[in-house]
Amino acid sequence: MFDIGRLQAGETCLIHGATSGIGVTAIQMAKAAGARVIATGRGAAKAEQARGLGADLAIDSSAEDFTAAVEAAGGADVILDMVGGPYTPRNLACLKPGGRLVTIATLGGMTAEIDLGQIMRKRLTLTGSTLRPRSADEKARLARAVEETVWPWIEQGKLRPTIDSAFPLAEAAKAHAGSKAATTSARSSSWREARAGPQSAKVKTPVLRISWSSSSRVVRTW
């Protein structure tokens, strides 16, 4: 979004999958950087969650054409997309001239039919990114950039993890079962500090902190 998407303060960023782990983080980061945020999610509840995270405009993509809604709002300078497939031509349609589409996942499919003439007329950039194949040096560069830019936002309270529920590891099966409902958003993890022994020493015991989204239905345990 910032590296190859070149999002700047004052620009408009469209973020799909608003209540996924990436979406929750991206909304907060874009707002911290001074951008206007339009977010999409499937269902009125997810749209409301996106607004709570700071989205200036939240669209229920299951009930409304997000392309028309974004165009009506003036279009987007940058789009962060994790759907791909059929979303690709719709994304290109609602980009402003000079806009950048950054694809980071393909939950909706690996292929898309696009209008090359539209890309030329509007001078659009269609690009993508994934972290895994990058070199160690490139990952180190990105880690430094996160430390320099994002850590101050965390310290200032502009970027916060969204945690749905906390479970002791003994109840991991219960947490996994809850993921099938796919009604919550984002995900994170932490340790619970427990006091034990006569010296009341702090002992870190693992805790499962989990949340899930209908788009990915991913559950992580620690």
Protein backbone atom coordinates (compact mmCIF):
# COMPACT_ATOMS: atom_id res chain seq x y z
CA MET A 1 0.00 0.00 0.00
CA PHE A 2 2.81 2.42 0.85
CA ASP A 3 5.84 0.78 -0.75
CA ILE A 4 4.65 -0.01 -4.28
CA GLY A 5 1.23 1.64 -3.93
CA ARG A 6 2.87 4.95 -2.97
CA LEU A 7 -0.13 6.06 -0.88
CA GLN A 8 0.20 9.70 0.17
CA ALA A 9 -1.59 11.91 2.69
CA GLY A 10 -4.74 13.38 1.19
CA GLU A 11 -5.24 10.52 -1.28
CA THR A 12 -8.14 8.07 -1.23
CA CYS A 13 -7.46 4.40 -0.57
CA LEU A 14 -9.96 1.61 -1.21
CA ILE A 15 -9.38 -1.42 1.04
CA HIS A 16 -11.21 -4.68 0.40
CA GLY A 17 -11.72 -7.27 3.13
CA ALA A 18 -12.00 -4.50 5.70
CA THR A 19 -12.42 -6.74 8.75
CA SER A 20 -9.75 -9.29 7.86
CA GLY A 21 -6.43 -9.13 9.70
CA ILE A 22 -4.84 -7.25 6.81
CA GLY A 23 -7.86 -5.01 6.36
CA VAL A 24 -8.00 -3.99 10.02
CA THR A 25 -4.31 -3.06 9.94
CA ALA A 26 -4.46 -1.34 6.55
CA ILE A 27 -7.40 0.90 7.52
CA GLN A 28 -5.60 2.13 10.62
CA MET A 29 -2.30 2.62 8.80
CA ALA A 30 -3.89 4.54 5.93
CA LYS A 31 -5.71 6.83 8.38
CA ALA A 32 -2.53 7.35 10.39
CA ALA A 33 -0.79 8.40 7.17
CA GLY A 34 -3.48 11.01 6.50
CA ALA A 35 -5.35 9.21 3.71
CA ARG A 36 -9.09 9.02 3.15
CA VAL A 37 -10.27 5.42 3.47
CA ILE A 38 -13.07 3.60 1.68
CA ALA A 39 -13.52 0.02 2.89
CA THR A 40 -15.61 -2.93 1.73
CA GLY A 41 -16.90 -5.93 3.64
CA ARG A 42 -19.62 -8.51 3.13
CA GLY A 43 -22.54 -7.66 5.41
CA ALA A 44 -23.82 -4.62 7.25
CA ALA A 45 -22.09 -5.67 10.47
CA LYS A 46 -18.67 -5.76 8.79
CA ALA A 47 -19.30 -2.37 7.20
CA GLU A 48 -20.12 -0.99 10.64
CA GLN A 49 -16.92 -2.53 12.06
CA ALA A 50 -14.93 -0.84 9.29
CA ARG A 51 -16.41 2.52 10.23
CA GLY A 52 -15.43 1.85 13.82
CA LEU A 53 -11.86 1.30 12.70
CA GLY A 54 -11.81 4.71 11.03
CA ALA A 55 -13.04 4.14 7.47
CA ASP A 56 -14.54 7.33 6.05
CA LEU A 57 -16.88 5.31 3.86
CA ALA A 58 -17.78 1.65 4.43
CA ILE A 59 -19.57 -0.38 1.74
CA ASP A 60 -21.51 -3.59 2.23
CA SER A 61 -20.33 -5.33 -0.94
CA SER A 62 -22.99 -8.03 -0.58
CA ALA A 63 -25.77 -5.47 -0.99
CA GLU A 64 -24.19 -2.67 -3.02
CA ASP A 65 -22.03 -2.34 -6.13
CA PHE A 66 -18.75 -1.14 -4.67
CA THR A 67 -17.55 0.17 -8.05
CA ALA A 68 -20.50 2.54 -8.40
CA ALA A 69 -20.22 3.61 -4.76
CA VAL A 70 -16.49 4.38 -5.05
CA GLU A 71 -16.98 6.26 -8.31
CA ALA A 72 -19.77 8.28 -6.69
CA ALA A 73 -17.37 9.13 -3.86
CA GLY A 74 -14.79 10.48 -6.31
CA GLY A 75 -12.77 7.36 -7.08
CA ALA A 76 -9.68 5.87 -5.50
CA ASP A 77 -5.99 6.70 -5.88
CA VAL A 78 -4.84 3.37 -4.43
CA ILE A 79 -6.67 0.06 -4.06
CA LEU A 80 -5.48 -2.73 -1.78
CA ASP A 81 -7.11 -5.92 -3.05
CA MET A 82 -6.97 -9.47 -1.75
CA VAL A 83 -9.77 -10.85 -3.92
CA GLY A 84 -8.41 -10.65 -7.46
CA GLY A 85 -10.37 -12.50 -10.15
CA PRO A 86 -13.64 -10.69 -10.94
CA TYR A 87 -12.76 -7.77 -8.68
CA THR A 88 -9.85 -6.74 -10.94
CA PRO A 89 -11.77 -5.04 -13.79
CA ARG A 90 -14.13 -3.47 -11.26
CA ASN A 91 -11.17 -2.10 -9.34
CA LEU A 92 -9.66 -0.60 -12.46
CA ALA A 93 -12.97 1.05 -13.29
CA CYS A 94 -13.10 3.02 -10.04
CA LEU A 95 -9.46 4.12 -9.99
CA LYS A 96 -8.74 7.78 -10.61
CA PRO A 97 -6.34 8.74 -13.43
CA GLY A 98 -2.86 7.76 -12.29
CA GLY A 99 -4.31 5.29 -9.79
CA ARG A 100 -2.53 2.20 -8.49
CA LEU A 101 -4.07 -1.24 -7.94
CA VAL A 102 -2.07 -3.41 -5.53
CA THR A 103 -3.12 -7.07 -5.46
CA ILE A 104 -1.88 -9.05 -2.47
CA ALA A 105 -4.04 -12.19 -2.66
CA THR A 106 -6.37 -13.98 -5.07
CA LEU A 107 -9.23 -15.36 -3.00
CA GLY A 108 -11.60 -14.80 -5.92
CA GLY A 109 -9.38 -16.34 -8.59
CA MET A 110 -5.99 -16.10 -10.28
CA THR A 111 -7.19 -14.80 -13.65
CA ALA A 112 -9.10 -11.74 -14.83
CA GLU A 113 -10.10 -10.11 -18.10
CA ILE A 114 -9.17 -6.43 -18.18
CA ASP A 115 -9.51 -3.49 -20.56
CA LEU A 116 -5.98 -2.48 -21.57
CA GLY A 117 -7.34 0.65 -23.18
CA GLN A 118 -8.63 1.79 -19.80
CA ILE A 119 -5.18 1.30 -18.29
CA MET A 120 -3.64 3.43 -21.04
CA ARG A 121 -6.26 6.17 -20.99
CA LYS A 122 -6.17 6.57 -17.23
CA ARG A 123 -2.42 5.84 -16.90
CA LEU A 124 -3.10 3.16 -14.30
CA THR A 125 -0.57 0.96 -12.54
CA LEU A 126 -1.52 -2.68 -11.96
CA THR A 127 0.91 -4.32 -9.57
CA GLY A 128 1.08 -6.81 -6.71
CA SER A 129 3.13 -8.04 -3.82
CA THR A 130 3.78 -11.04 -1.63
CA LEU A 131 6.44 -11.32 1.06
CA ARG A 132 7.51 -14.96 1.02
CA PRO A 133 9.70 -15.05 -2.14
CA ARG A 134 11.58 -11.85 -1.29
CA SER A 135 15.24 -11.99 -0.31
CA ALA A 136 16.43 -11.65 3.28
CA ASP A 137 17.86 -8.22 2.45
CA GLU A 138 14.54 -7.05 1.05
CA LYS A 139 12.66 -8.34 4.09
CA ALA A 140 15.15 -6.55 6.34
CA ARG A 141 14.56 -3.31 4.44
CA LEU A 142 10.81 -3.66 4.92
CA ALA A 143 11.26 -4.45 8.62
CA ARG A 144 13.30 -1.26 9.06
CA ALA A 145 10.63 0.74 7.26
CA VAL A 146 7.94 -0.70 9.56
CA GLU A 147 10.01 0.17 12.62
CA GLU A 148 10.63 3.72 11.43
CA THR A 149 7.08 4.48 10.27
CA VAL A 150 4.62 2.16 11.99
CA TRP A 151 6.11 1.86 15.49
CA PRO A 152 5.52 5.57 16.23
CA TRP A 153 1.86 5.13 15.21
CA ILE A 154 1.56 2.22 17.66
CA GLU A 155 3.13 4.31 20.42
CA GLN A 156 0.71 7.14 19.64
CA GLY A 157 -2.28 4.79 19.79
CA LYS A 158 -3.12 5.24 16.11
CA LEU A 159 -2.64 1.54 15.37
CA ARG A 160 -4.09 -1.10 17.69
CA PRO A 161 -4.63 -4.86 17.36
CA THR A 162 -8.25 -5.98 17.28
CA ILE A 163 -8.73 -9.07 19.43
CA ASP A 164 -12.05 -10.84 19.45
CA SER A 165 -11.64 -13.45 22.19
CA ALA A 166 -8.99 -14.97 24.45
CA PHE A 167 -8.84 -18.68 25.27
CA PRO A 168 -6.39 -20.76 27.34
CA LEU A 169 -4.70 -23.36 25.17
CA ALA A 170 -6.70 -26.06 26.91
CA GLU A 171 -9.75 -24.63 25.13
CA ALA A 172 -8.15 -24.42 21.69
CA ALA A 173 -10.74 -26.83 20.24
CA LYS A 174 -13.51 -24.49 21.39
CA ALA A 175 -11.81 -21.57 19.68
CA HIS A 176 -11.40 -23.50 16.45
CA ALA A 177 -15.04 -24.54 16.54
CA GLY A 178 -16.05 -20.91 16.85
CA SER A 179 -14.16 -20.07 13.66
CA LYS A 180 -16.76 -21.99 11.67
CA ALA A 181 -19.30 -19.31 12.52
CA ALA A 182 -17.01 -16.74 10.85
CA THR A 183 -18.77 -13.78 12.41
CA THR A 184 -15.90 -11.79 13.90
CA SER A 185 -12.96 -9.87 12.55
CA ALA A 186 -9.17 -9.67 12.58
CA ARG A 187 -6.84 -11.79 14.66
CA SER A 188 -3.93 -11.47 17.05
CA SER A 189 -2.15 -13.34 19.83
CA SER A 190 -0.66 -12.69 23.23
CA TRP A 191 0.57 -14.27 26.44
CA ARG A 192 -1.29 -14.25 29.71
CA GLU A 193 0.81 -13.41 32.74
CA ALA A 194 0.08 -15.67 35.69
CA ARG A 195 1.48 -15.40 39.18
CA ALA A 196 2.74 -18.60 40.74
CA GLY A 197 4.84 -19.68 43.67
CA PRO A 198 5.63 -18.04 46.98
CA GLN A 199 7.64 -15.26 45.34
CA SER A 200 4.66 -14.33 43.12
CA ALA A 201 6.98 -14.56 40.13
CA LYS A 202 5.39 -13.80 36.81
CA VAL A 203 5.08 -16.86 34.62
CA LYS A 204 4.07 -16.55 31.01
CA THR A 205 1.47 -19.12 30.02
CA PRO A 206 0.33 -19.35 26.43
CA VAL A 207 -3.12 -18.09 25.60
CA LEU A 208 -4.98 -18.48 22.37
CA ARG A 209 -6.30 -15.18 21.13
CA ILE A 210 -8.37 -15.57 18.09
CA SER A 211 -10.73 -13.92 15.69
CA TRP A 212 -11.86 -14.83 12.25
CA SER A 213 -13.48 -13.49 9.12
CA SER A 214 -15.92 -14.99 6.67
CA SER A 215 -13.55 -14.34 3.78
CA SER A 216 -10.60 -16.37 5.02
CA ARG A 217 -11.83 -18.44 7.97
CA VAL A 218 -8.28 -18.61 9.27
CA VAL A 219 -7.56 -19.61 12.84
CA ARG A 220 -4.13 -19.22 14.37
CA THR A 221 -3.05 -20.72 17.68
CA TRP A 222 -0.05 -19.98 19.84
